[in-house]
Protein backbone atom coordinates (compact mmCIF):
# COMPACT_ATOMS: atom_id res chain seq x y z
CA MET A 1 5.43 -7.78 -23.19
CA ILE A 2 6.39 -8.45 -19.03
CA LEU A 3 2.76 -9.15 -18.87
CA ALA A 4 2.80 -12.11 -21.39
CA CYS A 5 4.78 -15.44 -20.14
CA SER A 6 6.28 -15.45 -16.82
CA LEU A 7 3.23 -14.59 -14.56
CA PHE A 8 -0.19 -16.37 -13.50
CA VAL A 9 -2.77 -14.02 -13.21
CA GLY A 10 -5.10 -14.59 -10.57
CA GLY A 11 -9.11 -12.87 -11.45
CA CYS A 12 -12.76 -12.05 -9.07
CA ALA A 13 -15.56 -10.12 -10.28
CA ARG A 14 -18.02 -8.59 -8.37
CA GLU A 15 -21.07 -6.60 -8.78
CA GLU A 16 -20.35 -2.71 -7.60
CA GLU A 17 -21.62 -0.68 -4.67
CA PRO A 18 -21.35 2.85 -4.07
CA THR A 19 -19.22 4.22 -0.82
CA GLU A 20 -17.81 8.14 0.02
CA SER A 21 -15.08 9.29 1.91
CA VAL A 22 -13.67 11.66 4.38
CA PRO A 23 -10.71 12.07 7.07
CA SER A 24 -11.21 12.42 10.64
CA GLY A 25 -8.96 13.29 13.37
CA THR A 26 -5.79 15.49 13.59
CA PRO A 27 -2.50 14.03 12.28
CA VAL A 28 0.53 14.13 14.41
CA ILE A 29 3.55 15.70 12.16
CA VAL A 30 6.75 15.53 14.13
CA THR A 31 8.86 17.79 12.62
CA THR A 32 12.73 17.01 12.66
CA GLN A 33 16.07 18.47 11.13
CA THR A 34 17.61 16.95 8.02
CA SER A 35 18.51 13.04 8.40
CA GLU A 36 22.03 12.08 8.66
CA THR A 37 21.66 9.18 6.59
CA GLU A 38 21.49 10.99 3.48
CA ALA A 39 23.97 10.10 0.59
CA PRO A 40 24.10 10.17 -2.96
CA GLY A 41 21.52 8.49 -4.86
CA LEU A 42 18.56 9.94 -2.46
CA MET A 43 17.74 13.69 -3.27
CA ASP A 44 16.32 12.77 -6.43
CA THR A 45 12.28 12.12 -5.27
CA GLY A 46 10.78 13.75 -8.02
CA SER A 47 8.52 11.77 -10.29
CA LEU A 48 9.39 9.85 -13.19
CA HIS A 49 6.08 8.54 -14.53
CA ILE A 50 5.68 9.54 -17.89
CA ARG A 51 2.13 8.47 -19.06
CA PRO A 52 1.87 7.82 -22.85
CA ALA A 53 0.12 9.79 -25.64
CA VAL A 54 -2.89 7.84 -25.78
CA GLU A 55 -6.63 8.86 -24.41
CA ALA A 56 -8.26 7.55 -21.94
CA ASN A 57 -10.79 4.80 -22.53
CA GLY A 58 -12.61 5.37 -18.70
CA ASP A 59 -11.58 2.61 -16.85
CA ILE A 60 -9.84 3.12 -13.80
CA VAL A 61 -7.15 0.83 -12.87
CA ILE A 62 -5.87 0.34 -8.88
CA LEU A 63 -2.20 -1.15 -9.32
CA MET A 64 -1.17 -2.65 -5.53
CA THR A 65 1.99 -3.93 -3.99
CA GLY A 66 3.00 -4.87 -0.40
CA ASP A 67 5.47 -6.17 1.79
CA MET A 68 8.28 -4.58 -0.81
CA HIS A 69 10.72 -5.50 1.98
CA CYS A 70 13.42 -2.88 0.26
CA GLY A 71 13.05 -5.73 -2.96
CA PHE A 72 13.35 -2.66 -5.09
CA ASP A 73 15.39 -4.84 -7.81
CA LYS A 74 14.06 -8.39 -7.33
CA ASN A 75 11.29 -10.35 -9.28
CA PHE A 76 9.11 -7.61 -11.04
CA SER A 77 11.58 -5.16 -9.10
CA MET A 78 10.22 -1.50 -10.05
CA GLY A 79 11.45 -1.18 -12.95
CA GLY A 80 9.34 -3.80 -13.81
CA LEU A 81 5.75 -2.03 -11.87
CA TYR A 82 6.63 0.46 -13.86
CA GLU A 83 6.52 -1.63 -17.12
CA ILE A 84 3.33 -3.05 -16.20
CA ARG A 85 1.35 0.62 -15.24
CA TYR A 86 2.85 1.70 -18.66
CA GLN A 87 1.65 -1.14 -20.59
CA HIS A 88 -2.10 -0.34 -18.60
CA GLU A 89 -1.83 3.50 -19.84
CA LEU A 90 -0.88 2.27 -23.39
CA LYS A 91 -4.70 0.47 -23.67
CA GLY A 92 -6.35 3.65 -21.73
CA ASP A 93 -6.27 2.63 -18.49
CA THR A 94 -5.79 5.51 -15.53
CA VAL A 95 -3.84 4.06 -13.20
CA ILE A 96 -3.17 4.70 -9.39
CA LEU A 97 -0.51 2.96 -7.45
CA VAL A 98 -0.81 1.91 -3.65
CA ASP A 99 1.05 0.51 -1.52
CA ASP A 100 -0.02 -2.39 2.00
CA GLY A 101 2.43 -1.53 4.05
CA ASP A 102 6.46 -3.19 5.15
CA ALA A 103 8.13 -1.17 2.15
CA ILE A 104 10.88 0.37 3.73
CA GLN A 105 12.82 -2.43 5.61
CA GLY A 106 14.54 -5.57 4.29
CA GLU A 107 17.06 -5.13 2.63
CA PRO A 108 21.18 -4.32 3.95
CA ILE A 109 20.34 -0.28 1.79
CA ALA A 110 17.03 -0.05 4.02
CA TYR A 111 19.26 -0.48 6.98
CA GLN A 112 21.93 2.36 6.02
CA THR A 113 19.49 4.27 4.57
CA ARG A 114 17.14 3.74 7.91
CA GLY A 115 14.33 3.62 4.98
CA GLU A 116 14.59 6.57 2.97
CA ILE A 117 15.79 4.59 -0.36
CA MET A 118 12.00 3.12 -0.73
CA ILE A 119 10.68 6.45 0.20
CA GLY A 120 12.29 8.05 -2.78
CA LEU A 121 11.82 5.22 -5.37
CA MET A 122 8.64 4.94 -4.15
CA ASN A 123 8.33 9.01 -5.21
CA ASN A 124 9.66 8.29 -8.42
CA MET A 125 6.83 6.04 -8.66
CA ASP A 126 4.16 8.20 -8.11
CA TYR A 127 2.41 6.13 -5.21
CA ALA A 128 -1.18 7.76 -4.65
CA VAL A 129 -0.88 5.76 -0.92
CA ALA A 130 0.32 4.08 1.59
CA ILE A 131 -0.67 2.54 4.73
CA PRO A 132 2.41 1.63 7.45
CA GLY A 133 2.77 -2.05 8.16
CA GLU A 134 4.65 -3.00 11.46
CA HIS A 135 7.98 -2.47 9.73
CA GLU A 136 7.49 1.14 8.54
CA PHE A 137 8.34 1.31 12.87
CA TYR A 138 11.42 -0.63 12.71
CA TYR A 139 13.71 2.39 12.89
CA GLY A 140 11.72 4.27 15.58
CA MET A 141 8.68 6.63 15.97
CA ASP A 142 10.64 9.69 14.79
CA ARG A 143 11.58 8.75 11.46
CA PHE A 144 8.66 6.92 10.74
CA PHE A 145 7.19 10.67 10.84
CA GLU A 146 10.73 12.34 9.19
CA LEU A 147 9.94 9.42 6.06
CA VAL A 148 6.07 10.71 6.37
CA ASN A 149 7.17 14.07 5.73
CA LYS A 150 9.25 13.27 2.67
CA ALA A 151 6.81 10.71 0.92
CA LYS A 152 5.08 12.72 -1.90
CA PHE A 153 1.69 10.46 -1.32
CA ASP A 154 -0.72 9.82 1.09
CA TYR A 155 0.18 7.86 4.07
CA VAL A 156 -3.28 6.45 5.51
CA CYS A 157 -4.25 4.70 8.74
CA CYS A 158 -7.63 4.14 11.36
CA ASN A 159 -6.75 2.31 14.41
CA PHE A 160 -3.13 3.89 14.52
CA VAL A 161 -3.66 6.10 17.85
CA LYS A 162 -1.34 8.12 20.21
CA ASP A 163 -3.20 8.13 23.64
CA GLY A 164 -6.22 6.98 22.17
CA LYS A 165 -6.19 9.69 19.22
CA GLN A 166 -5.56 9.13 15.88
CA VAL A 167 -2.20 9.76 14.46
CA LEU A 168 -2.89 9.77 10.63
CA LYS A 169 -5.37 10.40 8.95
CA PRO A 170 -7.97 7.58 8.63
CA TYR A 171 -8.57 7.47 4.81
CA VAL A 172 -8.41 9.43 2.07
CA ILE A 173 -10.23 10.49 -1.42
CA LYS A 174 -7.93 10.70 -5.06
CA GLU A 175 -10.74 11.93 -7.65
CA VAL A 176 -9.77 10.59 -10.77
CA LEU A 177 -11.97 10.59 -14.35
CA GLY A 178 -14.76 13.06 -11.91
CA LYS A 179 -14.76 9.43 -9.46
CA LYS A 180 -14.09 9.97 -6.13
CA ILE A 181 -12.08 6.89 -4.51
CA ALA A 182 -11.59 6.45 -1.08
CA PHE A 183 -8.83 4.58 0.63
CA VAL A 184 -8.90 3.24 3.84
CA GLY A 185 -5.77 2.38 5.94
CA VAL A 186 -5.79 -0.16 9.15
CA THR A 187 -2.57 -1.94 10.39
CA THR A 188 -2.11 -5.43 12.56
CA PRO A 189 -2.01 -4.34 16.28
CA LYS A 190 0.86 -7.03 15.97
CA ALA A 191 3.33 -3.81 15.33
CA ILE A 192 3.28 -3.28 18.49
CA THR A 193 5.54 -6.66 19.56
CA LEU A 194 7.26 -7.23 16.00
CA ALA A 195 9.06 -2.94 15.83
CA PRO A 196 11.09 -2.51 18.31
CA ALA A 197 9.20 -1.22 22.07
CA GLU A 198 11.29 1.65 22.29
CA SER A 199 8.81 3.01 18.61
CA PHE A 200 6.07 2.73 21.08
CA GLN A 201 6.78 4.21 23.97
CA ASP A 202 7.10 7.54 25.45
CA GLU A 203 10.84 7.79 27.56
CA ASN A 204 9.83 6.47 30.91
CA GLY A 205 8.68 3.36 29.03
CA ASN A 206 5.16 3.51 28.83
CA TYR A 207 3.02 2.61 25.63
CA VAL A 208 1.75 5.83 24.06
CA TYR A 209 0.80 4.60 20.44
CA GLY A 210 -1.07 1.64 19.89
CA PHE A 211 -3.01 0.12 17.03
CA MET A 212 -6.74 -0.50 18.91
CA GLN A 213 -5.56 -3.98 20.18
CA ASP A 214 -8.44 -5.82 22.09
CA GLU A 215 -9.54 -9.58 22.46
CA THR A 216 -12.69 -9.90 20.29
CA GLY A 217 -10.58 -6.95 16.86
CA ASP A 218 -14.39 -5.26 17.67
CA LEU A 219 -12.85 -1.98 17.81
CA ILE A 220 -10.40 -1.87 14.97
CA SER A 221 -13.53 -2.61 13.17
CA ASN A 222 -15.54 -0.24 14.65
CA ALA A 223 -12.53 1.93 13.59
CA VAL A 224 -12.53 1.04 10.33
CA GLN A 225 -16.93 1.38 9.90
CA SER A 226 -16.33 5.03 11.01
CA ALA A 227 -14.02 5.93 8.22
CA VAL A 228 -15.97 3.95 5.91
CA ASP A 229 -19.28 6.11 6.71
CA LYS A 230 -17.41 9.28 6.87
CA ALA A 231 -16.11 8.57 3.94
CA ARG A 232 -19.59 7.93 2.32
CA SER A 233 -21.00 10.92 3.92
CA GLU A 234 -18.11 12.69 1.43
CA GLY A 235 -19.69 11.58 -1.65
CA ALA A 236 -17.26 8.52 -1.78
CA ASP A 237 -18.02 6.56 -5.58
CA TYR A 238 -16.04 3.96 -4.32
CA VAL A 239 -14.23 2.80 -0.77
CA VAL A 240 -11.07 0.63 -1.37
CA LEU A 241 -9.94 -1.11 2.14
CA MET A 242 -6.12 -1.23 2.24
CA GLY A 243 -4.74 -3.82 5.16
CA HIS A 244 -1.61 -4.92 7.09
CA ILE A 245 -4.15 -7.82 8.23
CA GLY A 246 -2.94 -11.13 6.81
CA ASN A 247 -4.73 -13.97 8.08
CA GLU A 248 -2.20 -15.70 9.89
CA GLU A 249 -3.85 -17.55 13.21
CA ILE A 250 -1.31 -16.38 15.29
CA SER A 251 -3.01 -12.81 14.61
CA SER A 252 -6.24 -13.77 16.10
CA PRO A 253 -8.54 -11.76 16.58
CA TRP A 254 -6.69 -9.49 14.38
CA VAL A 255 -7.14 -11.09 11.07
CA TYR A 256 -8.60 -10.10 7.63
CA THR A 257 -11.32 -12.29 8.49
CA THR A 258 -12.53 -11.63 11.80
CA ILE A 259 -12.02 -7.45 10.83
CA THR A 260 -13.86 -7.21 7.39
CA SER A 261 -16.77 -9.73 8.08
CA LYS A 262 -17.89 -6.68 10.76
CA VAL A 263 -17.81 -4.01 7.94
CA LYS A 264 -20.07 -3.00 5.11
CA GLY A 265 -19.84 -0.26 3.00
CA VAL A 266 -15.81 -1.30 1.10
CA ASP A 267 -16.00 -2.23 -2.15
CA ILE A 268 -12.85 -3.87 -2.82
CA TYR A 269 -10.26 -5.11 0.27
CA LEU A 270 -6.19 -4.73 -0.77
CA ASP A 271 -4.41 -6.99 1.71
CA GLY A 272 -0.56 -7.45 2.73
CA TYR A 273 1.21 -8.57 6.11
CA SER A 274 1.01 -12.39 4.87
CA HIS A 275 2.28 -12.92 1.58
CA GLU A 276 -0.06 -14.67 -0.55
CA PHE A 277 -0.68 -15.12 -3.97
CA LYS A 278 -4.60 -16.25 -4.14
CA VAL A 279 -7.67 -13.91 -4.87
CA GLU A 280 -10.67 -14.57 -2.27
CA GLU A 281 -13.62 -13.54 -1.22
CA TYR A 282 -15.10 -13.52 2.13
CA ILE A 283 -18.77 -12.53 3.50
CA ASP A 284 -18.85 -8.72 5.02
CA ALA A 285 -21.94 -7.25 7.36
CA GLU A 286 -24.30 -7.35 4.61
CA GLY A 287 -23.78 -10.85 3.48
CA LYS A 288 -22.23 -9.97 0.56
CA LYS A 289 -19.08 -11.36 -0.90
CA ILE A 290 -15.90 -8.67 -1.31
CA SER A 291 -13.09 -9.38 -3.03
CA ARG A 292 -9.76 -9.96 -1.45
CA VAL A 293 -6.95 -8.72 -3.38
CA PRO A 294 -2.83 -10.41 -1.85
CA ALA A 295 0.26 -8.10 -2.17
CA GLY A 296 2.97 -11.41 -2.81
CA SER A 297 6.10 -9.83 -1.16
CA LYS A 298 9.28 -8.76 -2.69
CA LEU A 299 7.34 -7.52 -5.74
CA ASN A 300 6.96 -11.24 -6.42
CA GLY A 301 2.91 -10.29 -7.14
CA VAL A 302 0.94 -7.11 -8.05
CA GLY A 303 -2.39 -6.54 -7.37
CA TRP A 304 -4.64 -5.19 -9.38
CA VAL A 305 -8.64 -3.47 -9.39
CA ARG A 306 -10.44 -2.44 -12.44
CA ILE A 307 -13.09 0.57 -11.94
CA PRO A 308 -14.97 0.39 -15.13
CA LYS A 309 -16.15 3.75 -16.69
CA ASP A 310 -19.94 2.31 -17.45
CA GLU A 311 -20.09 1.72 -13.44
CA GLY A 312 -20.18 -2.22 -13.89
CA ALA A 313 -18.49 -4.93 -12.38
CA ILE A 314 -15.27 -4.18 -10.60
CA THR A 315 -13.04 -6.88 -11.14
CA CYS A 316 -9.93 -8.08 -9.42
CA GLY A 317 -6.39 -9.86 -10.16
CA PHE A 318 -2.91 -10.28 -9.32
CA TYR A 319 0.43 -10.57 -11.24
CA ALA A 320 3.06 -13.52 -9.98
CA TYR A 321 6.01 -13.66 -11.01
CA ALA A 322 7.63 -16.85 -10.77
CA ASN A 323 10.87 -16.47 -12.32
CA LYS A 324 14.46 -16.58 -10.85
CA MET A 325 15.56 -13.81 -13.33
CA LYS A 326 14.00 -10.53 -13.02
CA ALA A 327 11.96 -9.41 -15.24
CA THR A 328 13.91 -6.33 -15.94
CA ASP A 329 16.49 -8.89 -17.39
CA LEU A 330 14.25 -11.33 -18.84
CA PHE A 331 12.77 -9.22 -20.83
CA GLU A 332 15.36 -6.45 -21.73
CA ILE A 333 13.23 -3.51 -20.01
CA GLU A 334 14.40 -0.19 -20.25
CA ASN A 335 12.39 2.62 -18.83
CA PRO A 336 12.94 5.67 -16.41
CA MET A 337 12.60 3.92 -13.35
CA THR A 338 15.21 0.61 -14.35
CA ARG A 339 18.06 4.00 -15.20
CA ARG A 340 16.88 5.15 -11.40
CA VAL A 341 17.40 1.66 -10.28
CA ASP A 342 20.75 1.26 -11.52
CA ASP A 343 21.80 4.47 -9.97
CA VAL A 344 20.47 3.61 -6.91
CA LYS A 345 22.43 0.67 -7.19
CA LYS A 346 25.82 2.20 -8.23
CA ALA A 347 26.26 5.12 -6.09
CA TYR A 348 25.50 2.19 -2.71
CA ASN A 349 27.65 -0.10 -4.41
CA MET A 350 25.12 -2.96 -4.73
CA ASP A 351 26.12 -4.79 -7.75
């Protein structure tokens, strides 16, 4: 099976703690006409997820991708990601699929479709939640909102603001098997310098969008804490913090060790941006050890979090792929997503 012989698995375990959830702020929704970039292969955006006829065992597994950079047919590939989820579901797990940002830019087809191909494929994969990375803004703000409206999953971010007001929901709650799980999003302020400046400016060149950048990182930490607290007030049983933050010194103070250490009430932290493979721990504002799960890049890794039915310890880890041949070829995998990927490649002459 795909998990057997070509990856290494990192893991962690810690005691759980209850949490809660609720979105605040008014999302800015931009209505635009249909994009001129629509072409064969973009219109099939329905879910292709087929859960096996197996009784649920009561465990919830969160699978996390990040920094895919439109590498939907690389490493594990989306067909392999589909298979990873399917193998979990064959064991009775109930799976939630989330993404930690930088999904829609990085390959020629991404530029050709201005990011739309990845939104369609993520819809096909039945993603539940995503956060924006800096590259989600690569095609301009209007295009970002077009893609948000096309997504059949929730985009969340607590520190993305326009004129000081939150643009997206800071978090969303998913109720699964009677448990409420809050997903709180946070994006690096480096987006301001890494994406085209005009994406964040008005017609006069004034910056109207931002990410609560300051000299200490306190504005972001406070926004995260506010979202976590409001989530708790909504009765969420768990809070998952999703950050496109990383820990690169050049991004200081907007690094996960600075921001998350000032926050309490988070059960697990999923982190993108740095393309790392190592599962780590940090100490939160209450002195508790919180596990940080990385994202890798170009689908060379998939993070996982297991919430057990008996309310025992949360466990987590990371599937990493190290072969030159992509997993779907190496293991001769065929499923609805491998067929969808093949159709897209044919439509865009990718072979």
